[in-house]
């Protein structure tokens, strides 16, 4: 299993889509994290107990409010991670086993791969890299966050330079989409998939 990571707004999803088009089974940890807290699931019950203010009248979670809380207070973020991460890991490993039984190349798109210590569960780790100023600009453009909120989100993650240092492969996403795809295609070819 290949662990695909990077920072927020670095281009992981763009790379994941390309890998999926090439034939990889892409497992999205963010999707699993959303599934883990669907209304009335065990994860949702734990979130409701820890953060009652984020439960809307329709029982869905106000993700924006939850994000504001956890990115402003590290101890609250750790509580949320303690609820979600174990469930995400279980889902990820289950789905990976199923795909690997069919001899598929599995790519786990995990934004916080290093932060949660899952790198040893991967055969390789690929990091999608962008310059910090590009990362901030992309996050501001796509999210509607203030510069301060975006800065807190970026600061809550391991610096991209550290992820690059620890990576098996680095995909530089500072150029054009075609330049990024060329790197992804070359790495895919190296896998012999």
N, C-alpha and C. Protein backbone atom coordinates (compact mmCIF):
# COMPACT_ATOMS: atom_id res chain seq x y z
N UNK A 1 0.85 -1.17 0.00
CA UNK A 1 0.00 0.00 0.00
C UNK A 1 0.89 1.24 0.00
N UNK A 2 0.54 2.17 -0.86
CA UNK A 2 1.26 3.44 -0.95
C UNK A 2 0.51 4.47 -0.13
N UNK A 3 1.20 5.14 0.77
CA UNK A 3 0.62 6.24 1.52
C UNK A 3 0.86 7.52 0.76
N UNK A 4 -0.21 8.21 0.42
CA UNK A 4 -0.13 9.48 -0.29
C UNK A 4 -0.49 10.58 0.70
N UNK A 5 0.45 11.50 0.91
CA UNK A 5 0.21 12.55 1.88
C UNK A 5 0.81 13.87 1.41
N UNK A 6 0.70 14.85 2.23
CA UNK A 6 1.17 16.20 1.94
C UNK A 6 0.49 17.10 2.95
N UNK A 7 0.44 18.36 2.67
CA UNK A 7 -0.26 19.28 3.56
C UNK A 7 -1.62 19.62 3.00
N UNK A 8 -2.40 20.33 3.79
CA UNK A 8 -3.68 20.82 3.31
C UNK A 8 -3.40 21.69 2.08
N UNK A 9 -4.20 21.55 1.04
CA UNK A 9 -4.10 22.35 -0.19
C UNK A 9 -2.79 22.16 -0.95
N UNK A 10 -2.17 20.99 -0.78
CA UNK A 10 -0.93 20.73 -1.53
C UNK A 10 -1.19 20.04 -2.86
N UNK A 11 -2.37 19.46 -3.03
CA UNK A 11 -2.70 18.80 -4.29
C UNK A 11 -2.81 17.29 -4.19
N UNK A 12 -2.98 16.77 -2.99
CA UNK A 12 -3.09 15.31 -2.81
C UNK A 12 -4.24 14.73 -3.62
N UNK A 13 -5.38 15.39 -3.58
CA UNK A 13 -6.55 14.85 -4.28
C UNK A 13 -6.36 14.84 -5.78
N UNK A 14 -5.67 15.84 -6.30
CA UNK A 14 -5.37 15.88 -7.73
C UNK A 14 -4.50 14.69 -8.11
N UNK A 15 -3.49 14.42 -7.31
CA UNK A 15 -2.61 13.28 -7.56
C UNK A 15 -3.38 11.98 -7.40
N UNK A 16 -4.23 11.89 -6.38
CA UNK A 16 -5.02 10.68 -6.16
C UNK A 16 -5.93 10.39 -7.34
N UNK A 17 -6.55 11.43 -7.90
CA UNK A 17 -7.42 11.23 -9.06
C UNK A 17 -6.64 10.69 -10.25
N UNK A 18 -5.44 11.19 -10.43
CA UNK A 18 -4.60 10.71 -11.53
C UNK A 18 -4.23 9.23 -11.31
N UNK A 19 -3.88 8.89 -10.09
CA UNK A 19 -3.54 7.50 -9.78
C UNK A 19 -4.74 6.58 -9.98
N UNK A 20 -5.91 7.06 -9.61
CA UNK A 20 -7.12 6.28 -9.82
C UNK A 20 -7.37 6.06 -11.31
N UNK A 21 -7.15 7.10 -12.11
CA UNK A 21 -7.32 6.98 -13.57
C UNK A 21 -6.32 5.98 -14.16
N UNK A 22 -5.16 5.85 -13.52
CA UNK A 22 -4.15 4.91 -14.00
C UNK A 22 -4.43 3.48 -13.54
N UNK A 23 -5.37 3.30 -12.61
CA UNK A 23 -5.76 1.96 -12.19
C UNK A 23 -5.60 1.65 -10.72
N UNK A 24 -5.15 2.60 -9.94
CA UNK A 24 -5.00 2.36 -8.49
C UNK A 24 -6.37 2.39 -7.81
N UNK A 25 -6.46 1.66 -6.72
CA UNK A 25 -7.61 1.78 -5.83
C UNK A 25 -7.21 2.83 -4.79
N UNK A 26 -7.90 3.96 -4.81
CA UNK A 26 -7.57 5.05 -3.89
C UNK A 26 -8.54 5.03 -2.71
N UNK A 27 -7.98 4.96 -1.53
CA UNK A 27 -8.76 4.99 -0.30
C UNK A 27 -8.55 6.36 0.35
N UNK A 28 -9.64 7.08 0.53
CA UNK A 28 -9.60 8.47 1.00
C UNK A 28 -9.88 8.52 2.50
N UNK A 29 -8.85 8.80 3.29
CA UNK A 29 -9.00 8.85 4.75
C UNK A 29 -9.98 9.94 5.16
N UNK A 30 -10.04 11.05 4.42
CA UNK A 30 -11.00 12.11 4.78
C UNK A 30 -12.44 11.62 4.62
N UNK A 31 -12.70 10.82 3.57
CA UNK A 31 -14.04 10.26 3.39
C UNK A 31 -14.36 9.31 4.54
N UNK A 32 -13.40 8.46 4.90
CA UNK A 32 -13.62 7.55 6.02
C UNK A 32 -13.88 8.33 7.31
N UNK A 33 -13.18 9.46 7.46
CA UNK A 33 -13.38 10.28 8.66
C UNK A 33 -14.80 10.85 8.69
N UNK A 34 -15.32 11.23 7.54
CA UNK A 34 -16.71 11.72 7.49
C UNK A 34 -17.69 10.58 7.79
N UNK A 35 -17.41 9.40 7.20
CA UNK A 35 -18.28 8.24 7.43
C UNK A 35 -18.30 7.86 8.91
N UNK A 36 -17.16 8.02 9.58
CA UNK A 36 -17.03 7.61 10.99
C UNK A 36 -17.92 8.42 11.93
N UNK A 37 -18.37 9.59 11.47
CA UNK A 37 -19.19 10.44 12.34
C UNK A 37 -20.56 10.75 11.71
N UNK A 38 -21.02 9.86 10.84
CA UNK A 38 -22.38 10.01 10.32
C UNK A 38 -23.36 9.93 11.49
N UNK A 39 -24.48 10.62 11.40
CA UNK A 39 -25.42 10.62 12.53
C UNK A 39 -25.75 9.22 13.06
N UNK A 40 -25.67 9.11 14.37
CA UNK A 40 -26.04 7.92 15.14
C UNK A 40 -25.03 6.78 15.07
N UNK A 41 -23.87 7.01 14.44
CA UNK A 41 -22.80 6.01 14.47
C UNK A 41 -22.08 6.14 15.81
N UNK A 42 -21.28 5.13 16.19
CA UNK A 42 -20.52 5.26 17.44
C UNK A 42 -19.64 6.51 17.47
N UNK A 43 -19.02 6.87 16.34
CA UNK A 43 -18.19 8.07 16.29
C UNK A 43 -18.99 9.33 16.51
N UNK A 44 -20.17 9.39 15.90
CA UNK A 44 -21.05 10.56 16.06
C UNK A 44 -21.46 10.72 17.52
N UNK A 45 -21.78 9.59 18.17
CA UNK A 45 -22.18 9.64 19.58
C UNK A 45 -21.04 10.22 20.43
N UNK A 46 -19.81 9.80 20.14
CA UNK A 46 -18.67 10.33 20.89
C UNK A 46 -18.45 11.81 20.61
N UNK A 47 -18.63 12.24 19.35
CA UNK A 47 -18.50 13.66 19.02
C UNK A 47 -19.59 14.45 19.73
N UNK A 48 -20.80 13.93 19.74
CA UNK A 48 -21.91 14.62 20.42
C UNK A 48 -21.62 14.80 21.90
N UNK A 49 -21.01 13.78 22.52
CA UNK A 49 -20.68 13.88 23.94
C UNK A 49 -19.55 14.89 24.19
N UNK A 50 -18.55 14.90 23.30
CA UNK A 50 -17.38 15.77 23.49
C UNK A 50 -17.63 17.20 23.02
N UNK A 51 -18.45 17.36 21.96
CA UNK A 51 -18.68 18.68 21.35
C UNK A 51 -20.18 18.86 21.08
N UNK A 52 -21.00 18.92 22.10
CA UNK A 52 -22.46 18.99 21.87
C UNK A 52 -22.89 20.20 21.05
N UNK A 53 -22.12 21.26 21.12
CA UNK A 53 -22.49 22.49 20.40
C UNK A 53 -22.41 22.36 18.89
N UNK A 54 -21.78 21.30 18.36
CA UNK A 54 -21.63 21.18 16.90
C UNK A 54 -22.73 20.33 16.26
N UNK A 55 -23.64 19.79 17.08
CA UNK A 55 -24.73 18.96 16.55
C UNK A 55 -25.89 19.86 16.16
N UNK A 56 -26.24 19.81 14.87
CA UNK A 56 -27.35 20.63 14.36
C UNK A 56 -28.69 19.97 14.69
N UNK A 57 -29.76 20.71 14.43
CA UNK A 57 -31.12 20.19 14.68
C UNK A 57 -31.39 18.92 13.88
N UNK A 58 -30.83 18.83 12.67
CA UNK A 58 -31.06 17.64 11.83
C UNK A 58 -30.10 16.49 12.19
N UNK A 59 -29.35 16.68 13.28
CA UNK A 59 -28.41 15.70 13.83
C UNK A 59 -27.08 15.61 13.07
N UNK A 60 -26.93 16.38 12.01
CA UNK A 60 -25.64 16.41 11.31
C UNK A 60 -24.66 17.25 12.13
N UNK A 61 -23.39 17.10 11.81
CA UNK A 61 -22.34 17.84 12.50
C UNK A 61 -22.03 19.11 11.73
N UNK A 62 -21.99 20.22 12.43
CA UNK A 62 -21.56 21.49 11.83
C UNK A 62 -20.04 21.43 11.73
N UNK A 63 -19.55 20.97 10.59
CA UNK A 63 -18.12 20.74 10.41
C UNK A 63 -17.30 22.02 10.49
N UNK A 64 -17.88 23.10 10.02
CA UNK A 64 -17.15 24.37 10.06
C UNK A 64 -16.93 24.79 11.52
N UNK A 65 -17.98 24.71 12.34
CA UNK A 65 -17.86 25.06 13.75
C UNK A 65 -16.89 24.10 14.45
N UNK A 66 -17.01 22.81 14.16
CA UNK A 66 -16.10 21.84 14.76
C UNK A 66 -14.66 22.15 14.39
N UNK A 67 -14.43 22.50 13.13
CA UNK A 67 -13.09 22.87 12.68
C UNK A 67 -12.56 24.10 13.42
N UNK A 68 -13.42 25.10 13.59
CA UNK A 68 -13.00 26.31 14.31
C UNK A 68 -12.57 25.96 15.74
N UNK A 69 -13.30 25.07 16.36
CA UNK A 69 -12.99 24.67 17.74
C UNK A 69 -11.67 23.92 17.81
N UNK A 70 -11.53 22.90 16.96
CA UNK A 70 -10.35 22.03 17.10
C UNK A 70 -9.07 22.68 16.57
N UNK A 71 -9.18 23.58 15.62
CA UNK A 71 -7.96 24.23 15.13
C UNK A 71 -7.56 25.41 16.01
N UNK A 72 -8.44 25.82 16.90
CA UNK A 72 -8.10 26.89 17.84
C UNK A 72 -7.56 26.34 19.17
N UNK A 73 -7.86 25.07 19.47
CA UNK A 73 -7.47 24.49 20.76
C UNK A 73 -6.90 23.09 20.54
N UNK A 74 -5.61 22.97 20.72
CA UNK A 74 -4.94 21.70 20.44
C UNK A 74 -5.51 20.54 21.25
N UNK A 75 -5.86 20.77 22.50
CA UNK A 75 -6.39 19.67 23.31
C UNK A 75 -7.72 19.17 22.77
N UNK A 76 -8.52 20.07 22.22
CA UNK A 76 -9.80 19.67 21.61
C UNK A 76 -9.54 18.88 20.32
N UNK A 77 -8.52 19.31 19.57
CA UNK A 77 -8.17 18.59 18.35
C UNK A 77 -7.75 17.16 18.68
N UNK A 78 -6.99 17.00 19.75
CA UNK A 78 -6.55 15.66 20.15
C UNK A 78 -7.74 14.79 20.56
N UNK A 79 -8.73 15.38 21.21
CA UNK A 79 -9.94 14.63 21.57
C UNK A 79 -10.63 14.12 20.30
N UNK A 80 -10.82 15.02 19.33
CA UNK A 80 -11.48 14.63 18.08
C UNK A 80 -10.68 13.56 17.35
N UNK A 81 -9.37 13.74 17.29
CA UNK A 81 -8.53 12.75 16.62
C UNK A 81 -8.62 11.40 17.31
N UNK A 82 -8.71 11.39 18.64
CA UNK A 82 -8.84 10.15 19.38
C UNK A 82 -10.14 9.42 19.08
N UNK A 83 -11.15 10.15 18.69
CA UNK A 83 -12.43 9.56 18.30
C UNK A 83 -12.35 9.00 16.88
N UNK A 84 -11.83 9.81 15.96
CA UNK A 84 -11.92 9.48 14.54
C UNK A 84 -10.81 8.57 14.05
N UNK A 85 -9.56 8.82 14.43
CA UNK A 85 -8.44 8.09 13.82
C UNK A 85 -8.51 6.57 13.96
N UNK A 86 -8.86 6.02 15.12
CA UNK A 86 -8.93 4.55 15.19
C UNK A 86 -9.96 3.96 14.23
N UNK A 87 -11.07 4.65 14.06
CA UNK A 87 -12.10 4.15 13.14
C UNK A 87 -11.64 4.25 11.69
N UNK A 88 -10.97 5.34 11.36
CA UNK A 88 -10.46 5.51 10.00
C UNK A 88 -9.44 4.41 9.68
N UNK A 89 -8.57 4.14 10.62
CA UNK A 89 -7.56 3.10 10.39
C UNK A 89 -8.20 1.74 10.16
N UNK A 90 -9.22 1.41 10.92
CA UNK A 90 -9.92 0.14 10.73
C UNK A 90 -10.53 0.06 9.33
N UNK A 91 -11.20 1.13 8.90
CA UNK A 91 -11.82 1.16 7.57
C UNK A 91 -10.75 1.05 6.48
N UNK A 92 -9.67 1.78 6.64
CA UNK A 92 -8.59 1.80 5.67
C UNK A 92 -7.97 0.41 5.51
N UNK A 93 -7.67 -0.22 6.61
CA UNK A 93 -7.05 -1.55 6.54
C UNK A 93 -8.00 -2.58 5.95
N UNK A 94 -9.26 -2.50 6.29
CA UNK A 94 -10.25 -3.45 5.74
C UNK A 94 -10.34 -3.29 4.21
N UNK A 95 -10.50 -2.07 3.75
CA UNK A 95 -10.63 -1.83 2.31
C UNK A 95 -9.35 -2.17 1.56
N UNK A 96 -8.20 -1.91 2.17
CA UNK A 96 -6.92 -2.22 1.53
C UNK A 96 -6.77 -3.73 1.37
N UNK A 97 -7.13 -4.49 2.39
CA UNK A 97 -7.04 -5.96 2.28
C UNK A 97 -7.90 -6.47 1.14
N UNK A 98 -9.10 -5.95 1.00
CA UNK A 98 -10.00 -6.39 -0.07
C UNK A 98 -9.39 -6.10 -1.44
N UNK A 99 -8.86 -4.90 -1.61
CA UNK A 99 -8.27 -4.52 -2.90
C UNK A 99 -7.01 -5.32 -3.20
N UNK A 100 -6.19 -5.52 -2.18
CA UNK A 100 -4.95 -6.26 -2.39
C UNK A 100 -5.22 -7.72 -2.71
N UNK A 101 -6.31 -8.27 -2.23
CA UNK A 101 -6.69 -9.65 -2.58
C UNK A 101 -6.97 -9.77 -4.07
N UNK A 102 -7.35 -8.66 -4.69
CA UNK A 102 -7.61 -8.63 -6.13
C UNK A 102 -6.39 -8.15 -6.89
N UNK A 103 -5.23 -8.13 -6.22
CA UNK A 103 -3.95 -7.71 -6.82
C UNK A 103 -3.98 -6.29 -7.36
N UNK A 104 -4.71 -5.43 -6.70
CA UNK A 104 -4.77 -4.02 -7.09
C UNK A 104 -3.70 -3.23 -6.34
N UNK A 105 -3.20 -2.18 -6.98
CA UNK A 105 -2.32 -1.24 -6.28
C UNK A 105 -3.21 -0.35 -5.43
N UNK A 106 -2.91 -0.29 -4.14
CA UNK A 106 -3.72 0.49 -3.21
C UNK A 106 -2.96 1.75 -2.82
N UNK A 107 -3.65 2.88 -2.94
CA UNK A 107 -3.10 4.16 -2.52
C UNK A 107 -4.00 4.69 -1.41
N UNK A 108 -3.42 4.91 -0.24
CA UNK A 108 -4.16 5.47 0.88
C UNK A 108 -3.85 6.96 0.95
N UNK A 109 -4.85 7.76 0.62
CA UNK A 109 -4.70 9.22 0.69
C UNK A 109 -4.99 9.66 2.13
N UNK A 110 -3.91 9.95 2.86
CA UNK A 110 -4.02 10.23 4.29
C UNK A 110 -3.29 11.55 4.58
N UNK A 111 -4.04 12.65 4.71
CA UNK A 111 -3.40 13.94 4.95
C UNK A 111 -2.47 13.95 6.16
N UNK A 112 -2.86 13.28 7.24
CA UNK A 112 -2.08 13.31 8.48
C UNK A 112 -1.30 12.02 8.70
N UNK A 113 -0.84 11.41 7.64
CA UNK A 113 -0.15 10.12 7.71
C UNK A 113 0.98 10.11 8.73
N UNK A 114 1.88 11.07 8.64
CA UNK A 114 3.00 11.13 9.58
C UNK A 114 2.54 11.54 10.97
N UNK A 115 1.61 12.48 11.02
CA UNK A 115 1.15 12.98 12.31
C UNK A 115 0.53 11.87 13.16
N UNK A 116 -0.16 10.92 12.51
CA UNK A 116 -0.80 9.84 13.27
C UNK A 116 0.07 8.59 13.37
N UNK A 117 1.25 8.63 12.74
CA UNK A 117 2.20 7.53 12.87
C UNK A 117 1.87 6.30 12.04
N UNK A 118 1.22 6.47 10.91
CA UNK A 118 0.83 5.33 10.08
C UNK A 118 1.83 5.02 8.97
N UNK A 119 2.93 5.78 8.89
CA UNK A 119 3.87 5.56 7.79
C UNK A 119 4.44 4.15 7.76
N UNK A 120 4.58 3.52 8.93
CA UNK A 120 5.12 2.16 8.97
C UNK A 120 4.14 1.12 8.45
N UNK A 121 2.89 1.49 8.28
CA UNK A 121 1.89 0.59 7.72
C UNK A 121 1.92 0.59 6.19
N UNK A 122 2.70 1.49 5.62
CA UNK A 122 2.75 1.66 4.17
C UNK A 122 4.02 1.02 3.60
N UNK A 123 3.92 0.56 2.36
CA UNK A 123 5.10 0.04 1.66
C UNK A 123 5.98 1.20 1.21
N UNK A 124 5.34 2.28 0.79
CA UNK A 124 6.03 3.50 0.38
C UNK A 124 5.17 4.69 0.81
N UNK A 125 5.82 5.83 0.98
CA UNK A 125 5.09 7.07 1.23
C UNK A 125 5.47 8.08 0.15
N UNK A 126 4.44 8.61 -0.51
CA UNK A 126 4.62 9.64 -1.53
C UNK A 126 4.06 10.94 -0.95
N UNK A 127 4.86 11.99 -1.03
CA UNK A 127 4.45 13.30 -0.52
C UNK A 127 4.24 14.25 -1.69
N UNK A 128 3.11 14.94 -1.67
CA UNK A 128 2.82 15.98 -2.66
C UNK A 128 3.27 17.29 -2.02
N UNK A 129 4.18 17.98 -2.71
CA UNK A 129 4.80 19.18 -2.15
C UNK A 129 4.43 20.43 -2.95
N UNK A 130 4.15 21.50 -2.22
CA UNK A 130 4.06 22.85 -2.79
C UNK A 130 4.78 23.80 -1.84
N UNK A 131 5.20 24.95 -2.38
CA UNK A 131 5.83 25.96 -1.55
C UNK A 131 4.80 26.46 -0.52
N UNK A 132 5.24 26.80 0.69
CA UNK A 132 4.32 27.23 1.74
C UNK A 132 3.41 28.39 1.32
N UNK A 133 3.94 29.36 0.58
CA UNK A 133 3.10 30.49 0.17
C UNK A 133 2.02 30.05 -0.82
N UNK A 134 2.35 29.07 -1.67
CA UNK A 134 1.36 28.52 -2.61
C UNK A 134 0.29 27.76 -1.85
N UNK A 135 0.71 26.99 -0.86
CA UNK A 135 -0.23 26.24 -0.03
C UNK A 135 -1.22 27.18 0.65
N UNK A 136 -0.72 28.24 1.26
CA UNK A 136 -1.59 29.20 1.93
C UNK A 136 -2.56 29.84 0.94
N UNK A 137 -2.04 30.27 -0.21
CA UNK A 137 -2.89 30.92 -1.21
C UNK A 137 -3.99 29.98 -1.70
N UNK A 138 -3.64 28.72 -1.97
CA UNK A 138 -4.65 27.75 -2.43
C UNK A 138 -5.71 27.50 -1.37
N UNK A 139 -5.28 27.41 -0.12
CA UNK A 139 -6.25 27.18 0.96
C UNK A 139 -7.19 28.37 1.10
N UNK A 140 -6.65 29.58 1.01
CA UNK A 140 -7.49 30.78 1.10
C UNK A 140 -8.50 30.83 -0.05
N UNK A 141 -8.05 30.48 -1.25
CA UNK A 141 -8.93 30.54 -2.43
C UNK A 141 -10.06 29.53 -2.37
N UNK A 142 -9.78 28.35 -1.85
CA UNK A 142 -10.80 27.30 -1.92
C UNK A 142 -11.70 27.23 -0.69
N UNK A 143 -11.31 27.86 0.43
CA UNK A 143 -12.01 27.58 1.68
C UNK A 143 -12.87 28.72 2.20
N UNK A 144 -12.52 29.93 1.90
CA UNK A 144 -13.22 31.05 2.51
C UNK A 144 -12.75 31.34 3.92
N UNK A 145 -11.66 30.68 4.36
CA UNK A 145 -11.11 30.94 5.68
C UNK A 145 -10.40 32.29 5.68
N UNK A 146 -10.30 32.87 6.85
CA UNK A 146 -9.47 34.06 6.99
C UNK A 146 -8.01 33.61 6.94
N UNK A 147 -7.10 34.56 6.74
CA UNK A 147 -5.66 34.24 6.72
C UNK A 147 -5.25 33.60 8.05
N UNK A 148 -5.82 34.12 9.15
CA UNK A 148 -5.50 33.58 10.48
C UNK A 148 -5.98 32.13 10.62
N UNK A 149 -7.22 31.85 10.19
CA UNK A 149 -7.75 30.49 10.28
C UNK A 149 -6.92 29.54 9.41
N UNK A 150 -6.60 29.97 8.20
CA UNK A 150 -5.81 29.13 7.30
C UNK A 150 -4.43 28.86 7.89
N UNK A 151 -3.85 29.88 8.49
CA UNK A 151 -2.55 29.72 9.12
C UNK A 151 -2.57 28.72 10.26
N UNK A 152 -3.66 28.74 11.04
CA UNK A 152 -3.79 27.78 12.16
C UNK A 152 -3.91 26.36 11.62
N UNK A 153 -4.66 26.18 10.56
CA UNK A 153 -4.83 24.84 9.97
C UNK A 153 -3.49 24.32 9.47
N UNK A 154 -2.77 25.14 8.75
CA UNK A 154 -1.45 24.73 8.23
C UNK A 154 -0.50 24.43 9.39
N UNK A 155 -0.53 25.29 10.40
CA UNK A 155 0.37 25.10 11.55
C UNK A 155 0.05 23.85 12.36
N UNK A 156 -1.19 23.35 12.25
CA UNK A 156 -1.57 22.15 13.01
C UNK A 156 -0.99 20.88 12.40
N UNK A 157 -0.45 21.01 11.18
CA UNK A 157 0.12 19.85 10.49
C UNK A 157 1.65 19.93 10.52
N UNK A 158 2.26 18.77 10.34
CA UNK A 158 3.71 18.72 10.22
C UNK A 158 4.13 19.56 9.03
N UNK A 159 5.21 20.35 9.13
CA UNK A 159 5.64 21.15 7.98
C UNK A 159 5.92 20.27 6.75
N UNK A 160 5.54 20.77 5.60
CA UNK A 160 5.74 20.01 4.37
C UNK A 160 7.20 19.64 4.16
N UNK A 161 8.12 20.51 4.54
CA UNK A 161 9.54 20.21 4.37
C UNK A 161 9.94 18.96 5.14
N UNK A 162 9.36 18.78 6.33
CA UNK A 162 9.65 17.58 7.13
C UNK A 162 9.05 16.34 6.47
N UNK A 163 7.86 16.48 5.91
CA UNK A 163 7.24 15.34 5.21
C UNK A 163 8.10 14.95 4.00
N UNK A 164 8.59 15.94 3.29
CA UNK A 164 9.46 15.68 2.14
C UNK A 164 10.72 14.93 2.58
N UNK A 165 11.29 15.35 3.69
CA UNK A 165 12.51 14.71 4.18
C UNK A 165 12.28 13.24 4.49
N UNK A 166 11.10 12.89 4.95
CA UNK A 166 10.80 11.52 5.36
C UNK A 166 10.22 10.66 4.24
N UNK A 167 9.89 11.27 3.10
CA UNK A 167 9.18 10.57 2.02
C UNK A 167 10.08 9.60 1.26
N UNK A 168 9.43 8.59 0.68
CA UNK A 168 10.11 7.71 -0.28
C UNK A 168 10.14 8.36 -1.66
N UNK A 169 9.06 9.06 -2.00
CA UNK A 169 8.96 9.76 -3.28
C UNK A 169 8.30 11.11 -3.04
N UNK A 170 8.71 12.12 -3.81
CA UNK A 170 8.14 13.46 -3.70
C UNK A 170 7.60 13.88 -5.05
N UNK A 171 6.37 14.37 -5.06
CA UNK A 171 5.73 14.89 -6.26
C UNK A 171 5.65 16.40 -6.08
N UNK A 172 6.38 17.13 -6.92
CA UNK A 172 6.41 18.59 -6.85
C UNK A 172 5.20 19.13 -7.60
N UNK A 173 4.28 19.76 -6.87
CA UNK A 173 3.05 20.26 -7.45
C UNK A 173 3.05 21.78 -7.56
N UNK A 174 4.22 22.37 -7.78
CA UNK A 174 4.32 23.81 -7.92
C UNK A 174 4.13 24.28 -9.35
N UNK A 175 4.20 23.37 -10.31
CA UNK A 175 4.11 23.75 -11.71
C UNK A 175 2.72 23.54 -12.27
N UNK A 176 2.67 23.25 -13.55
CA UNK A 176 1.39 23.02 -14.22
C UNK A 176 0.84 21.64 -13.86
N UNK A 177 -0.42 21.45 -14.14
CA UNK A 177 -1.05 20.16 -13.92
C UNK A 177 -0.34 19.08 -14.74
N UNK A 178 0.02 19.42 -15.96
CA UNK A 178 0.71 18.46 -16.83
C UNK A 178 2.06 18.04 -16.23
N UNK A 179 2.76 18.97 -15.62
CA UNK A 179 4.04 18.65 -14.99
C UNK A 179 3.83 17.69 -13.81
N UNK A 180 2.77 17.92 -13.04
CA UNK A 180 2.46 17.03 -11.92
C UNK A 180 2.11 15.64 -12.44
N UNK A 181 1.28 15.58 -13.47
CA UNK A 181 0.87 14.29 -14.03
C UNK A 181 2.07 13.51 -14.57
N UNK A 182 3.01 14.21 -15.19
CA UNK A 182 4.21 13.53 -15.71
C UNK A 182 4.94 12.81 -14.58
N UNK A 183 5.07 13.47 -13.43
CA UNK A 183 5.75 12.86 -12.28
C UNK A 183 4.96 11.65 -11.77
N UNK A 184 3.64 11.80 -11.68
CA UNK A 184 2.79 10.70 -11.20
C UNK A 184 2.87 9.52 -12.16
N UNK A 185 2.78 9.80 -13.46
CA UNK A 185 2.84 8.73 -14.46
C UNK A 185 4.18 7.99 -14.40
N UNK A 186 5.25 8.72 -14.18
CA UNK A 186 6.58 8.10 -14.08
C UNK A 186 6.66 7.20 -12.85
N UNK A 187 6.14 7.65 -11.73
CA UNK A 187 6.14 6.83 -10.51
C UNK A 187 5.28 5.59 -10.70
N UNK A 188 4.15 5.74 -11.37
CA UNK A 188 3.25 4.62 -11.64
C UNK A 188 3.97 3.57 -12.50
N UNK A 189 4.68 4.06 -13.49
CA UNK A 189 5.42 3.16 -14.38
C UNK A 189 6.49 2.39 -13.60
N UNK A 190 7.17 3.08 -12.66
CA UNK A 190 8.16 2.42 -11.82
C UNK A 190 7.58 1.27 -11.01
N UNK A 191 6.28 1.40 -10.64
CA UNK A 191 5.64 0.34 -9.87
C UNK A 191 5.44 -0.91 -10.71
N UNK A 192 5.43 -0.73 -12.01
CA UNK A 192 5.18 -1.88 -12.90
C UNK A 192 3.73 -2.35 -12.83
N UNK A 193 2.85 -1.45 -12.49
CA UNK A 193 1.44 -1.82 -12.33
C UNK A 193 0.73 -1.91 -13.67
